C-alpha atoms as a PDB file:
ATOM      1  CA  MET A   1       0.018  -0.131   0.061  1.00  0.00           C
ATOM      2  CA  GLU A   2       1.376   3.243  -0.903  1.00  0.00           C
ATOM      3  CA  PRO A   3       2.127   5.874   2.098  1.00  0.00           C
ATOM      4  CA  ASN A   4      -0.486   8.327   1.033  1.00  0.00           C
ATOM      5  CA  GLU A   5      -3.227   5.606   0.237  1.00  0.00           C
ATOM      6  CA  LYS A   6      -5.970   5.474   2.442  1.00  0.00           C
ATOM      7  CA  LYS A   7      -7.163   2.045   3.919  1.00  0.00           C
ATOM      8  CA  ILE A   8     -10.206   1.174   2.948  1.00  0.00           C
ATOM      9  CA  TRP A   9     -12.892  -0.389   5.854  1.00  0.00           C
ATOM     10  CA  PHE A  10     -16.204  -0.461   3.339  1.00  0.00           C
ATOM     11  CA  PRO A  11     -15.595  -1.297  -0.176  1.00  0.00           C
ATOM     12  CA  ALA A  12     -18.325   0.073  -2.767  1.00  0.00           C
ATOM     13  CA  LYS A  13     -20.933  -2.287  -3.765  1.00  0.00           C
ATOM     14  CA  ARG A  14     -20.747  -3.654  -7.276  1.00  0.00           C
ATOM     15  CA  TYR A  15     -24.182  -2.523  -8.131  1.00  0.00           C
ATOM     16  CA  GLY A  16     -25.774   0.056  -7.475  1.00  0.00           C
ATOM     17  CA  TRP A  17     -24.784   3.069  -5.147  1.00  0.00           C
ATOM     18  CA  GLY A  18     -23.162   2.941  -1.253  1.00  0.00           C
ATOM     19  CA  TRP A  19     -21.200   0.756   0.741  1.00  0.00           C
ATOM     20  CA  GLY A  20     -20.730  -3.081   0.966  1.00  0.00           C
ATOM     21  CA  PRO A  21     -19.884  -5.264   4.029  1.00  0.00           C
ATOM     22  CA  PRO A  22     -16.422  -4.197   5.721  1.00  0.00           C
ATOM     23  CA  VAL A  23     -13.000  -5.682   4.823  1.00  0.00           C
ATOM     24  CA  CYS A  24     -11.294  -5.692   7.766  1.00  0.00           C
ATOM     25  CA  TRP A  25     -11.841  -5.559  11.460  1.00  0.00           C
ATOM     26  CA  GLN A  26     -12.076  -1.886  12.152  1.00  0.00           C
ATOM     27  CA  GLY A  27     -15.165  -1.973   9.930  1.00  0.00           C
ATOM     28  CA  TRP A  28     -16.529  -4.834  11.520  1.00  0.00           C
ATOM     29  CA  ALA A  29     -16.174  -3.110  14.828  1.00  0.00           C
ATOM     30  CA  VAL A  30     -17.810  -0.207  13.785  1.00  0.00           C
ATOM     31  CA  ILE A  31     -20.918  -2.176  12.835  1.00  0.00           C
ATOM     32  CA  ILE A  32     -20.973  -4.109  15.869  1.00  0.00           C
ATOM     33  CA  VAL A  33     -20.598  -1.483  18.103  1.00  0.00           C
ATOM     34  CA  TRP A  34     -23.253   0.510  16.011  1.00  0.00           C
ATOM     35  CA  LEU A  35     -26.026  -2.344  16.384  1.00  0.00           C
ATOM     36  CA  LEU A  36     -25.130  -2.910  19.928  1.00  0.00           C
ATOM     37  CA  LEU A  37     -26.018   1.148  20.397  1.00  0.00           C
ATOM     38  CA  VAL A  38     -29.146   0.689  17.995  1.00  0.00           C
ATOM     39  CA  VAL A  39     -30.313  -2.356  20.369  1.00  0.00           C
ATOM     40  CA  VAL A  40     -29.481  -0.668  23.584  1.00  0.00           C
ATOM     41  CA  GLY A  41     -31.496   2.074  22.371  1.00  0.00           C
ATOM     42  CA  ALA A  42     -34.508   0.450  21.401  1.00  0.00           C
ATOM     43  CA  PHE A  43     -34.871  -1.225  24.535  1.00  0.00           C
ATOM     44  CA  ILE A  44     -34.605   2.259  26.640  1.00  0.00           C
ATOM     45  CA  LEU A  45     -36.440   4.606  23.902  1.00  0.00           C
ATOM     46  CA  MET A  46     -39.259   2.300  22.131  1.00  0.00           C
ATOM     47  CA  PRO A  47     -41.934   3.342  25.176  1.00  0.00           C
ATOM     48  CA  HIS A  48     -41.017   6.763  23.880  1.00  0.00           C
ATOM     49  CA  ILE A  49     -41.284   6.570  20.316  1.00  0.00           C
ATOM     50  CA  GLY A  50     -41.125  10.396  19.771  1.00  0.00           C
ATOM     51  CA  TRP A  51     -37.277   9.685  20.885  1.00  0.00           C
ATOM     52  CA  PHE A  52     -36.557   6.316  19.453  1.00  0.00           C
ATOM     53  CA  ILE A  53     -37.514   7.619  15.616  1.00  0.00           C
ATOM     54  CA  PRO A  54     -35.007  10.744  15.664  1.00  0.00           C
ATOM     55  CA  PHE A  55     -32.442   8.148  17.638  1.00  0.00           C
ATOM     56  CA  ILE A  56     -32.366   5.727  14.706  1.00  0.00           C
ATOM     57  CA  ALA A  57     -32.022   8.745  12.318  1.00  0.00           C
ATOM     58  CA  ILE A  58     -29.225  10.225  13.850  1.00  0.00           C
ATOM     59  CA  MET A  59     -27.335   6.678  14.293  1.00  0.00           C
ATOM     60  CA  CYS A  60     -27.906   6.353  10.141  1.00  0.00           C
ATOM     61  CA  VAL A  61     -26.197   9.648   9.773  1.00  0.00           C
ATOM     62  CA  ILE A  62     -23.386   8.474  12.213  1.00  0.00           C
ATOM     63  CA  LEU A  63     -23.008   4.896  10.378  1.00  0.00           C
ATOM     64  CA  SER A  64     -23.071   6.813   6.842  1.00  0.00           C
ATOM     65  CA  ALA A  65     -20.564   9.557   7.831  1.00  0.00           C
ATOM     66  CA  PHE A  66     -18.295   6.443   8.981  1.00  0.00           C
ATOM     67  CA  CYS A  67     -18.746   4.643   5.623  1.00  0.00           C
ATOM     68  CA  TRP A  68     -17.842   8.002   3.429  1.00  0.00           C
ATOM     69  CA  VAL A  69     -14.931   8.835   5.551  1.00  0.00           C
ATOM     70  CA  LYS A  70     -13.312   5.250   5.548  1.00  0.00           C
ATOM     71  CA  GLY A  71     -14.954   3.938   2.464  1.00  0.00           C
ATOM     72  CA  GLU A  72     -14.661   3.881  -1.514  1.00  0.00           C
ATOM     73  CA  LYS A  73     -15.721   7.152  -2.917  1.00  0.00           C
ATOM     74  CA  PRO A  74     -19.785   6.232  -3.384  1.00  0.00           C
ATOM     75  CA  ARG A  75     -20.870   6.282  -7.153  1.00  0.00           C
ATOM     76  CA  TRP A  76     -23.371   4.646  -8.925  1.00  0.00           C
ATOM     77  CA  ARG A  77     -22.135   1.282 -10.331  1.00  0.00           C
ATOM     78  CA  TRP A  78     -23.212  -1.881 -12.973  1.00  0.00           C
ATOM     79  CA  GLY A  79     -21.022  -4.188 -12.020  1.00  0.00           C
ATOM     80  CA  ASP A  80     -16.911  -5.068 -13.276  1.00  0.00           C
ATOM     81  CA  LYS A  81     -17.072  -2.685 -16.153  1.00  0.00           C
END
């Protein structure tokens, strides 16, 4: 790997726009911690749906930010072309 090349945690999907599953342990750690926070948040905030929906929206923004910073540049892809 070149010194100025960043390490990709989340590769781009082969078809469509977005990121695929993580390719290194750091990416998997982000996914596991994110899932744990969502589950804990669900147990705590589910009785208060007015708080749960914004919580989930914020958690999705946080995960997307991690993918944006540590993943490949997102663009529409049509396969191996």
